[in-house]
Amino acid sequence: MHRILFVCHGNICRSPMAECLLKDMVRNRSGDFLISSAATSTEEIGNPIHPGTRRKLKEMGVPLCGHRAVQLTPRDYGLYDWILGMDSANIRNILRITGGDPKEKVRRLLDFSKRPRDIADPWYTGDFDVTYEDIREGCIALLQALK
């Protein structure tokens, strides 16, 4: 089983977008997947997916996953094979919350791609299209790496 946790700052834009998209991508693949998402902050806990993320997923035909923002916990480190942050600030906060990364399972999602980089937060940029394309690129690269 592949256990993957996507993480961003508030868990309402990028990480649930990645969660819903990867769940859709693996729906018809063999192999078991556990895919979820979480926040490094407490700011949005309990809130639903951001309207911009909902709009973009719907536009792309990606089913929404039932989601309310939750915060990453130290326990999550033992539950997942990969804890994938959207940007470098997320990685620093993930490591602070989990107490380190002795098993080397914390990475940025786009570290799996041919062009490793941060995924911009559409909460600030307003550009959910670019965020979607970056997350899609990362999910495709992640699936290639898991083969």
Protein backbone atom coordinates (compact mmCIF):
# COMPACT_ATOMS: atom_id res chain seq x y z
CA MET A 1 0.00 0.00 0.00
CA HIS A 2 1.16 3.54 -0.81
CA ARG A 3 0.29 5.93 2.03
CA ILE A 4 0.61 9.56 0.93
CA LEU A 5 -0.12 12.74 2.89
CA PHE A 6 -0.11 16.09 1.09
CA VAL A 7 0.59 19.12 3.26
CA CYS A 8 0.25 22.87 2.79
CA HIS A 9 -0.20 25.85 5.09
CA GLY A 10 -3.99 25.86 5.61
CA ASN A 11 -5.19 22.60 3.99
CA ILE A 12 -7.87 24.34 1.95
CA CYS A 13 -6.14 25.05 -1.41
CA ARG A 14 -3.08 23.12 -2.56
CA SER A 15 -3.02 19.98 -0.41
CA PRO A 16 -6.71 19.09 -0.89
CA MET A 17 -6.30 19.81 -4.60
CA ALA A 18 -3.44 17.28 -4.67
CA GLU A 19 -5.44 14.82 -2.56
CA CYS A 20 -8.50 14.93 -4.83
CA LEU A 21 -6.44 14.84 -8.03
CA LEU A 22 -4.27 11.88 -6.99
CA LYS A 23 -7.31 9.96 -5.74
CA ASP A 24 -8.87 10.48 -9.16
CA MET A 25 -5.67 9.48 -10.98
CA VAL A 26 -5.33 6.17 -9.10
CA ARG A 27 -9.01 5.27 -9.09
CA ASN A 28 -8.56 2.65 -11.83
CA ARG A 29 -4.99 1.52 -11.07
CA SER A 30 -3.97 -1.67 -9.42
CA GLY A 31 -2.42 -1.33 -5.98
CA ASP A 32 -3.77 0.15 -2.85
CA PHE A 33 -3.47 3.81 -1.96
CA LEU A 34 -4.24 5.78 1.18
CA ILE A 35 -4.24 9.47 0.25
CA SER A 36 -5.03 12.38 2.53
CA SER A 37 -3.99 15.95 3.28
CA ALA A 38 -3.26 18.21 6.24
CA ALA A 39 -2.16 21.70 7.27
CA THR A 40 0.88 22.95 9.11
CA SER A 41 -1.16 25.77 10.67
CA THR A 42 -4.36 25.89 12.73
CA GLU A 43 -5.84 28.84 10.80
CA GLU A 44 -8.34 26.92 8.67
CA ILE A 45 -9.05 23.82 10.79
CA GLY A 46 -12.55 22.55 10.06
CA ASN A 47 -13.02 24.67 6.95
CA PRO A 48 -13.97 23.16 3.58
CA ILE A 49 -11.94 23.27 0.37
CA HIS A 50 -11.39 26.83 -0.90
CA PRO A 51 -13.92 27.92 -3.57
CA GLY A 52 -11.10 28.49 -6.10
CA THR A 53 -9.86 24.92 -5.62
CA ARG A 54 -13.41 23.56 -5.89
CA ARG A 55 -13.98 25.55 -9.08
CA LYS A 56 -10.73 24.35 -10.70
CA LEU A 57 -11.27 20.69 -9.80
CA LYS A 58 -14.83 20.83 -11.14
CA GLU A 59 -13.60 22.52 -14.35
CA MET A 60 -11.09 19.69 -14.83
CA GLY A 61 -13.65 16.95 -14.10
CA VAL A 62 -11.93 15.89 -10.86
CA PRO A 63 -14.40 14.72 -8.20
CA LEU A 64 -14.22 16.57 -4.90
CA CYS A 65 -13.18 14.51 -1.92
CA GLY A 66 -15.15 15.07 1.26
CA HIS A 67 -12.72 17.30 3.09
CA ARG A 68 -12.41 19.58 6.08
CA ALA A 69 -9.03 21.08 7.00
CA VAL A 70 -7.04 19.21 9.65
CA GLN A 71 -3.63 19.84 11.15
CA LEU A 72 -0.61 17.59 10.73
CA THR A 73 0.37 15.77 13.93
CA PRO A 74 3.57 14.00 15.02
CA ARG A 75 1.63 10.72 14.79
CA ASP A 76 1.15 11.23 11.03
CA TYR A 77 4.85 10.60 10.47
CA GLY A 78 4.38 6.95 11.35
CA LEU A 79 1.15 6.58 9.37
CA TYR A 80 2.38 7.67 5.94
CA ASP A 81 5.11 6.55 3.53
CA TRP A 82 5.37 10.02 2.01
CA ILE A 83 4.61 13.41 3.54
CA LEU A 84 4.67 15.83 0.64
CA GLY A 85 4.75 19.58 1.21
CA MET A 86 3.87 22.09 -1.44
CA ASP A 87 6.73 24.50 -0.72
CA SER A 88 9.92 24.92 1.30
CA ALA A 89 8.14 26.71 4.16
CA ASN A 90 5.79 23.73 4.44
CA ILE A 91 8.79 21.40 4.66
CA ARG A 92 10.32 23.41 7.52
CA ASN A 93 7.00 23.34 9.38
CA ILE A 94 6.46 19.62 8.71
CA LEU A 95 9.89 18.87 10.18
CA ARG A 96 9.13 21.06 13.20
CA ILE A 97 5.82 19.26 13.82
CA THR A 98 7.10 15.74 13.22
CA GLY A 99 10.39 16.27 15.04
CA GLY A 100 12.55 15.47 12.04
CA ASP A 101 12.69 13.05 9.13
CA PRO A 102 14.84 10.03 10.04
CA LYS A 103 13.20 7.85 7.34
CA GLU A 104 13.54 10.50 4.59
CA LYS A 105 9.87 10.53 3.68
CA VAL A 106 9.34 14.32 3.73
CA ARG A 107 9.71 16.07 0.37
CA ARG A 108 8.13 18.75 -1.76
CA LEU A 109 5.69 17.28 -4.27
CA LEU A 110 7.61 18.74 -7.19
CA ASP A 111 10.87 17.18 -5.97
CA PHE A 112 9.66 14.14 -7.95
CA SER A 113 9.46 16.17 -11.17
CA LYS A 114 12.15 17.05 -13.67
CA ARG A 115 11.97 20.65 -12.42
CA PRO A 116 11.94 20.56 -8.60
CA ARG A 117 10.42 23.74 -7.17
CA ASP A 118 7.81 25.18 -4.83
CA ILE A 119 4.14 25.26 -5.74
CA ALA A 120 2.83 28.80 -5.31
CA ASP A 121 -0.05 29.29 -2.89
CA PRO A 122 -3.15 30.41 -4.82
CA TRP A 123 -4.51 31.95 -1.60
CA TYR A 124 -1.97 34.71 -2.34
CA THR A 125 -1.54 34.50 -6.13
CA GLY A 126 -5.20 33.91 -7.02
CA ASP A 127 -3.97 31.66 -9.84
CA PHE A 128 -5.57 28.26 -9.29
CA ASP A 129 -4.81 27.29 -12.91
CA VAL A 130 -1.03 27.40 -12.45
CA THR A 131 -1.34 25.67 -9.08
CA TYR A 132 -3.40 22.88 -10.68
CA GLU A 133 -0.86 22.38 -13.47
CA ASP A 134 2.03 22.22 -10.98
CA ILE A 135 0.17 19.75 -8.76
CA ARG A 136 -0.77 17.63 -11.77
CA GLU A 137 2.89 17.58 -12.87
CA GLY A 138 3.93 16.52 -9.37
CA CYS A 139 1.30 13.79 -9.11
CA ILE A 140 2.28 12.32 -12.47
CA ALA A 141 5.96 12.33 -11.45
CA LEU A 142 5.10 10.79 -8.07
CA LEU A 143 3.17 7.96 -9.71
CA GLN A 144 6.14 7.30 -12.04
CA ALA A 145 8.44 7.12 -9.02
CA LEU A 146 6.12 4.67 -7.25
CA LYS A 147 6.20 2.16 -10.13
